[in-house]
Amino acid sequence: MTEELRGLRGMLEQVDSASLVDAMGRVHGHRADIVDLVSPDPSRVMFGPAVTVAFLPYRDDLPEKDLGFATVFYRAVGDAPEGKVVVMSSGGHPDVSHAGGTKLSRLHNHHVAGVLADGRLRDFSELAGYGFATWCRGQATHWGGATVMPYAANIAVEIGGVCVVPGDYVYADSGGAVVIPAGSVRRVLEEAVRIEAEDKHSAEVIRAEDPVRLRSGEQTASET
């Protein structure tokens, strides 16, 4: 894990997905939030630079030796997998299993920070025990290899209507996921910290407001 990533992680205790989405809205004009995700352990926060695995509908005429999960995974993470987030597109089939505990044990073995899948995953009980965070579209029991296949590593992918480019930073918690461009990640995190401070101040003002004056209209807009 790089010193830059360690420094960014130090700011995460002060923010969450909501403040990061608000911060992205102040810094950028494109959509960055992904919702309706589930996890075998929703208490785990995920953060790290993205590597991508693009899934496509399965074809039986393509050579499996070039397209198996292991091959595409190692192409994606390269020589420095630690701290990365593996982002897997759905191939148009978000309700199909894209991997399970056995295949994804590679992420644990190589100290990957997490997996964000725009499809379902199997073996939630196993995934909960690994050393990475898992966020996906739901749990599956049926094998999905006859429907989708990993096809390419480290290309831009679409996840829940959001463009993810390799190197983007991905944050996920129980509120959802946020995709942050690498070039502005520190600025966005700093803005999110300010937003959290603003919200805390606003909550203090609300606690001190006078319901009687508000009902009567005596309290001015600047006071509310």
Protein backbone atom coordinates (compact mmCIF):
# COMPACT_ATOMS: atom_id res chain seq x y z
CA MET A 1 0.00 0.00 0.00
CA THR A 2 1.39 3.40 -0.99
CA GLU A 3 1.92 6.30 1.41
CA GLU A 4 -0.62 8.29 -0.61
CA LEU A 5 -3.27 5.63 -0.07
CA ARG A 6 -2.47 5.42 3.64
CA GLY A 7 -2.89 9.19 3.91
CA LEU A 8 -6.25 9.11 2.15
CA ARG A 9 -7.45 6.25 4.36
CA GLY A 10 -6.72 8.42 7.37
CA MET A 11 -9.48 10.80 6.27
CA LEU A 12 -12.15 8.13 5.89
CA GLU A 13 -13.21 8.07 9.55
CA GLN A 14 -14.55 11.60 9.09
CA VAL A 15 -16.74 10.94 6.04
CA ASP A 16 -19.32 8.51 4.62
CA SER A 17 -20.91 7.78 1.25
CA ALA A 18 -23.47 10.59 1.60
CA SER A 19 -20.90 13.32 2.26
CA LEU A 20 -18.69 11.97 -0.51
CA VAL A 21 -21.58 12.08 -2.99
CA ASP A 22 -22.28 15.69 -1.95
CA ALA A 23 -18.59 16.52 -2.31
CA MET A 24 -18.48 14.98 -5.77
CA GLY A 25 -21.43 17.21 -6.69
CA ARG A 26 -19.43 20.27 -5.69
CA VAL A 27 -16.25 19.22 -7.50
CA HIS A 28 -17.62 17.42 -10.57
CA GLY A 29 -20.78 17.50 -12.66
CA HIS A 30 -21.22 13.80 -13.45
CA ARG A 31 -23.01 11.03 -11.57
CA ALA A 32 -20.76 9.13 -9.19
CA ASP A 33 -23.03 7.17 -6.79
CA ILE A 34 -24.02 3.51 -7.03
CA VAL A 35 -26.96 2.32 -4.94
CA ASP A 36 -28.82 -0.92 -4.11
CA LEU A 37 -25.69 -2.81 -3.12
CA VAL A 38 -25.53 -5.56 -0.53
CA SER A 39 -22.68 -7.12 1.43
CA PRO A 40 -22.04 -10.25 3.50
CA ASP A 41 -20.76 -7.79 6.14
CA PRO A 42 -22.40 -4.36 5.71
CA SER A 43 -20.29 -2.91 8.54
CA ARG A 44 -17.16 -3.07 6.40
CA VAL A 45 -16.11 0.03 4.51
CA MET A 46 -14.29 -0.36 1.20
CA PHE A 47 -11.82 2.12 -0.25
CA GLY A 48 -9.03 1.90 -2.80
CA PRO A 49 -7.99 2.47 -6.41
CA ALA A 50 -9.99 0.50 -8.95
CA VAL A 51 -8.88 -2.24 -11.28
CA THR A 52 -11.59 -3.52 -13.57
CA VAL A 53 -12.78 -6.89 -14.85
CA ALA A 54 -15.28 -6.61 -17.69
CA PHE A 55 -17.78 -9.44 -17.96
CA LEU A 56 -19.63 -10.23 -21.20
CA PRO A 57 -22.28 -12.77 -22.19
CA TYR A 58 -20.74 -16.23 -22.44
CA ARG A 59 -19.62 -17.65 -25.80
CA ASP A 60 -18.45 -21.22 -26.21
CA ASP A 61 -16.18 -20.54 -29.19
CA LEU A 62 -13.69 -18.36 -27.29
CA PRO A 63 -10.59 -19.96 -25.70
CA GLU A 64 -11.08 -20.40 -21.95
CA LYS A 65 -7.34 -20.27 -21.28
CA ASP A 66 -7.39 -16.58 -22.23
CA LEU A 67 -10.66 -15.70 -20.48
CA GLY A 68 -10.76 -17.61 -17.18
CA PHE A 69 -11.26 -15.64 -13.97
CA ALA A 70 -7.71 -16.26 -12.76
CA THR A 71 -6.15 -14.99 -15.98
CA VAL A 72 -8.22 -11.81 -16.14
CA PHE A 73 -7.87 -11.16 -12.39
CA TYR A 74 -4.07 -11.30 -12.49
CA ARG A 75 -4.01 -9.09 -15.56
CA ALA A 76 -6.16 -6.59 -13.69
CA VAL A 77 -4.21 -6.39 -10.41
CA GLY A 78 -0.76 -6.64 -12.00
CA ASP A 79 2.31 -6.75 -9.76
CA ALA A 80 0.84 -4.60 -6.96
CA PRO A 81 -2.57 -5.97 -5.93
CA GLU A 82 -2.48 -4.85 -2.29
CA GLY A 83 -5.10 -2.21 -1.49
CA LYS A 84 -6.81 -2.36 -4.89
CA VAL A 85 -10.58 -2.63 -5.43
CA VAL A 86 -11.63 -5.14 -8.08
CA VAL A 87 -14.62 -3.71 -9.97
CA MET A 88 -16.57 -6.26 -12.01
CA SER A 89 -19.15 -5.23 -14.61
CA SER A 90 -22.31 -7.27 -15.14
CA GLY A 91 -22.13 -8.12 -18.84
CA GLY A 92 -25.80 -7.23 -19.00
CA HIS A 93 -26.72 -9.86 -16.39
CA PRO A 94 -26.74 -8.27 -12.91
CA ASP A 95 -28.90 -11.10 -11.48
CA VAL A 96 -26.37 -13.83 -12.35
CA SER A 97 -23.49 -15.05 -10.19
CA HIS A 98 -20.12 -13.65 -11.30
CA ALA A 99 -17.91 -15.46 -8.77
CA GLY A 100 -17.92 -17.13 -5.39
CA GLY A 101 -15.80 -17.85 -2.37
CA THR A 102 -13.30 -20.09 -4.13
CA LYS A 103 -12.43 -17.81 -7.05
CA LEU A 104 -12.48 -14.71 -4.88
CA SER A 105 -10.10 -16.27 -2.34
CA ARG A 106 -7.40 -14.88 -4.64
CA LEU A 107 -8.34 -11.39 -3.44
CA HIS A 108 -7.73 -12.46 0.16
CA ASN A 109 -4.43 -14.16 -0.72
CA HIS A 110 -3.11 -11.00 -2.39
CA HIS A 111 -4.43 -8.45 0.16
CA VAL A 112 -6.88 -6.74 -2.18
CA ALA A 113 -9.03 -4.10 -0.44
CA GLY A 114 -12.34 -5.21 -1.87
CA VAL A 115 -14.60 -6.28 -4.69
CA LEU A 116 -17.45 -4.26 -6.18
CA ALA A 117 -19.56 -6.44 -8.45
CA ASP A 118 -22.45 -5.26 -10.60
CA GLY A 119 -23.74 -8.83 -10.40
CA ARG A 120 -24.46 -11.42 -7.74
CA LEU A 121 -21.86 -13.40 -5.78
CA ARG A 122 -22.00 -16.82 -4.18
CA ASP A 123 -20.84 -18.04 -0.75
CA PHE A 124 -21.54 -15.01 1.42
CA SER A 125 -20.47 -16.89 4.56
CA GLU A 126 -17.02 -17.47 3.06
CA LEU A 127 -16.72 -13.93 1.73
CA ALA A 128 -17.55 -12.49 5.17
CA GLY A 129 -14.49 -14.24 6.58
CA TYR A 130 -12.01 -12.90 4.03
CA GLY A 131 -9.77 -9.89 4.57
CA PHE A 132 -11.46 -7.69 1.97
CA ALA A 133 -14.79 -5.88 1.76
CA THR A 134 -17.46 -7.24 -0.59
CA TRP A 135 -20.28 -5.24 -2.21
CA CYS A 136 -22.49 -6.61 -4.97
CA ARG A 137 -26.08 -6.89 -6.27
CA GLY A 138 -27.02 -9.82 -4.06
CA GLN A 139 -26.26 -13.40 -3.12
CA ALA A 140 -26.59 -16.23 -5.62
CA THR A 141 -26.67 -19.99 -5.32
CA HIS A 142 -26.59 -21.02 -8.99
CA TRP A 143 -23.31 -20.97 -10.95
CA GLY A 144 -23.31 -18.24 -13.58
CA GLY A 145 -20.48 -19.38 -15.85
CA ALA A 146 -22.83 -20.48 -18.61
CA THR A 147 -24.30 -16.96 -18.76
CA VAL A 148 -21.40 -14.53 -18.29
CA MET A 149 -17.62 -14.72 -18.53
CA PRO A 150 -14.72 -12.41 -17.59
CA TYR A 151 -13.45 -10.97 -20.85
CA ALA A 152 -11.11 -8.00 -20.36
CA ALA A 153 -8.99 -6.35 -17.68
CA ASN A 154 -8.53 -2.67 -16.92
CA ILE A 155 -10.87 -1.08 -19.39
CA ALA A 156 -13.54 1.48 -18.56
CA VAL A 157 -16.71 -0.24 -17.34
CA GLU A 158 -20.25 0.80 -16.40
CA ILE A 159 -21.53 -0.06 -12.93
CA GLY A 160 -25.07 0.94 -12.03
CA GLY A 161 -25.08 3.82 -14.51
CA VAL A 162 -21.66 5.10 -13.39
CA CYS A 163 -18.49 5.07 -15.48
CA VAL A 164 -15.52 3.49 -13.68
CA VAL A 165 -12.06 4.04 -15.14
CA PRO A 166 -9.07 2.03 -13.87
CA GLY A 167 -7.34 4.11 -11.22
CA ASP A 168 -10.52 5.78 -9.96
CA TYR A 169 -10.97 5.53 -6.21
CA VAL A 170 -13.96 3.52 -5.05
CA TYR A 171 -15.59 3.98 -1.65
CA ALA A 172 -18.48 1.84 -0.40
CA ASP A 173 -20.40 1.58 2.84
CA SER A 174 -23.94 0.62 3.84
CA GLY A 175 -25.28 3.73 2.10
CA GLY A 176 -23.84 2.91 -1.31
CA ALA A 177 -20.69 3.32 -3.38
CA VAL A 178 -18.99 6.43 -4.75
CA VAL A 179 -16.52 6.56 -7.65
CA ILE A 180 -13.96 9.36 -7.37
CA PRO A 181 -11.51 10.35 -10.13
CA ALA A 182 -7.91 9.78 -9.06
CA GLY A 183 -6.89 13.30 -10.01
CA SER A 184 -9.31 14.89 -7.56
CA VAL A 185 -9.59 12.29 -4.79
CA ARG A 186 -7.86 14.38 -2.13
CA ARG A 187 -9.90 17.45 -3.03
CA VAL A 188 -13.13 15.44 -2.85
CA LEU A 189 -12.22 13.91 0.51
CA GLU A 190 -11.32 17.30 1.92
CA GLU A 191 -14.63 18.71 0.66
CA ALA A 192 -16.47 15.78 2.26
CA VAL A 193 -14.80 16.55 5.59
CA ARG A 194 -16.02 20.16 5.30
CA ILE A 195 -19.53 18.95 4.49
CA GLU A 196 -19.56 16.75 7.58
CA ALA A 197 -18.51 19.77 9.67
CA GLU A 198 -21.24 21.91 8.06
CA ASP A 199 -23.86 19.23 8.76
CA LYS A 200 -22.73 18.98 12.39
CA HIS A 201 -23.06 22.75 12.77
CA SER A 202 -26.49 22.72 11.15
CA ALA A 203 -27.62 20.00 13.56
CA GLU A 204 -26.50 22.15 16.49
CA VAL A 205 -28.45 25.12 15.13
CA ILE A 206 -31.55 22.96 14.71
CA ARG A 207 -31.26 21.72 18.30
CA ALA A 208 -31.25 25.32 19.47
CA GLU A 209 -34.18 26.55 17.35
CA ASP A 210 -37.35 27.86 18.96
CA PRO A 211 -40.48 25.95 17.83
CA VAL A 212 -42.77 28.75 19.05
CA ARG A 213 -41.00 31.39 16.95
CA LEU A 214 -40.94 29.09 13.95
CA ARG A 215 -44.69 28.40 14.19
CA SER A 216 -45.41 32.10 14.43
CA GLY A 217 -43.09 33.01 11.57
CA GLU A 218 -40.95 35.22 13.81
CA GLN A 219 -37.73 33.38 13.10
CA THR A 220 -35.94 34.74 10.05
CA ALA A 221 -34.65 32.69 7.13
CA SER A 222 -31.06 33.43 8.18
CA GLU A 223 -31.75 31.83 11.53
CA THR A 224 -33.10 28.59 10.00
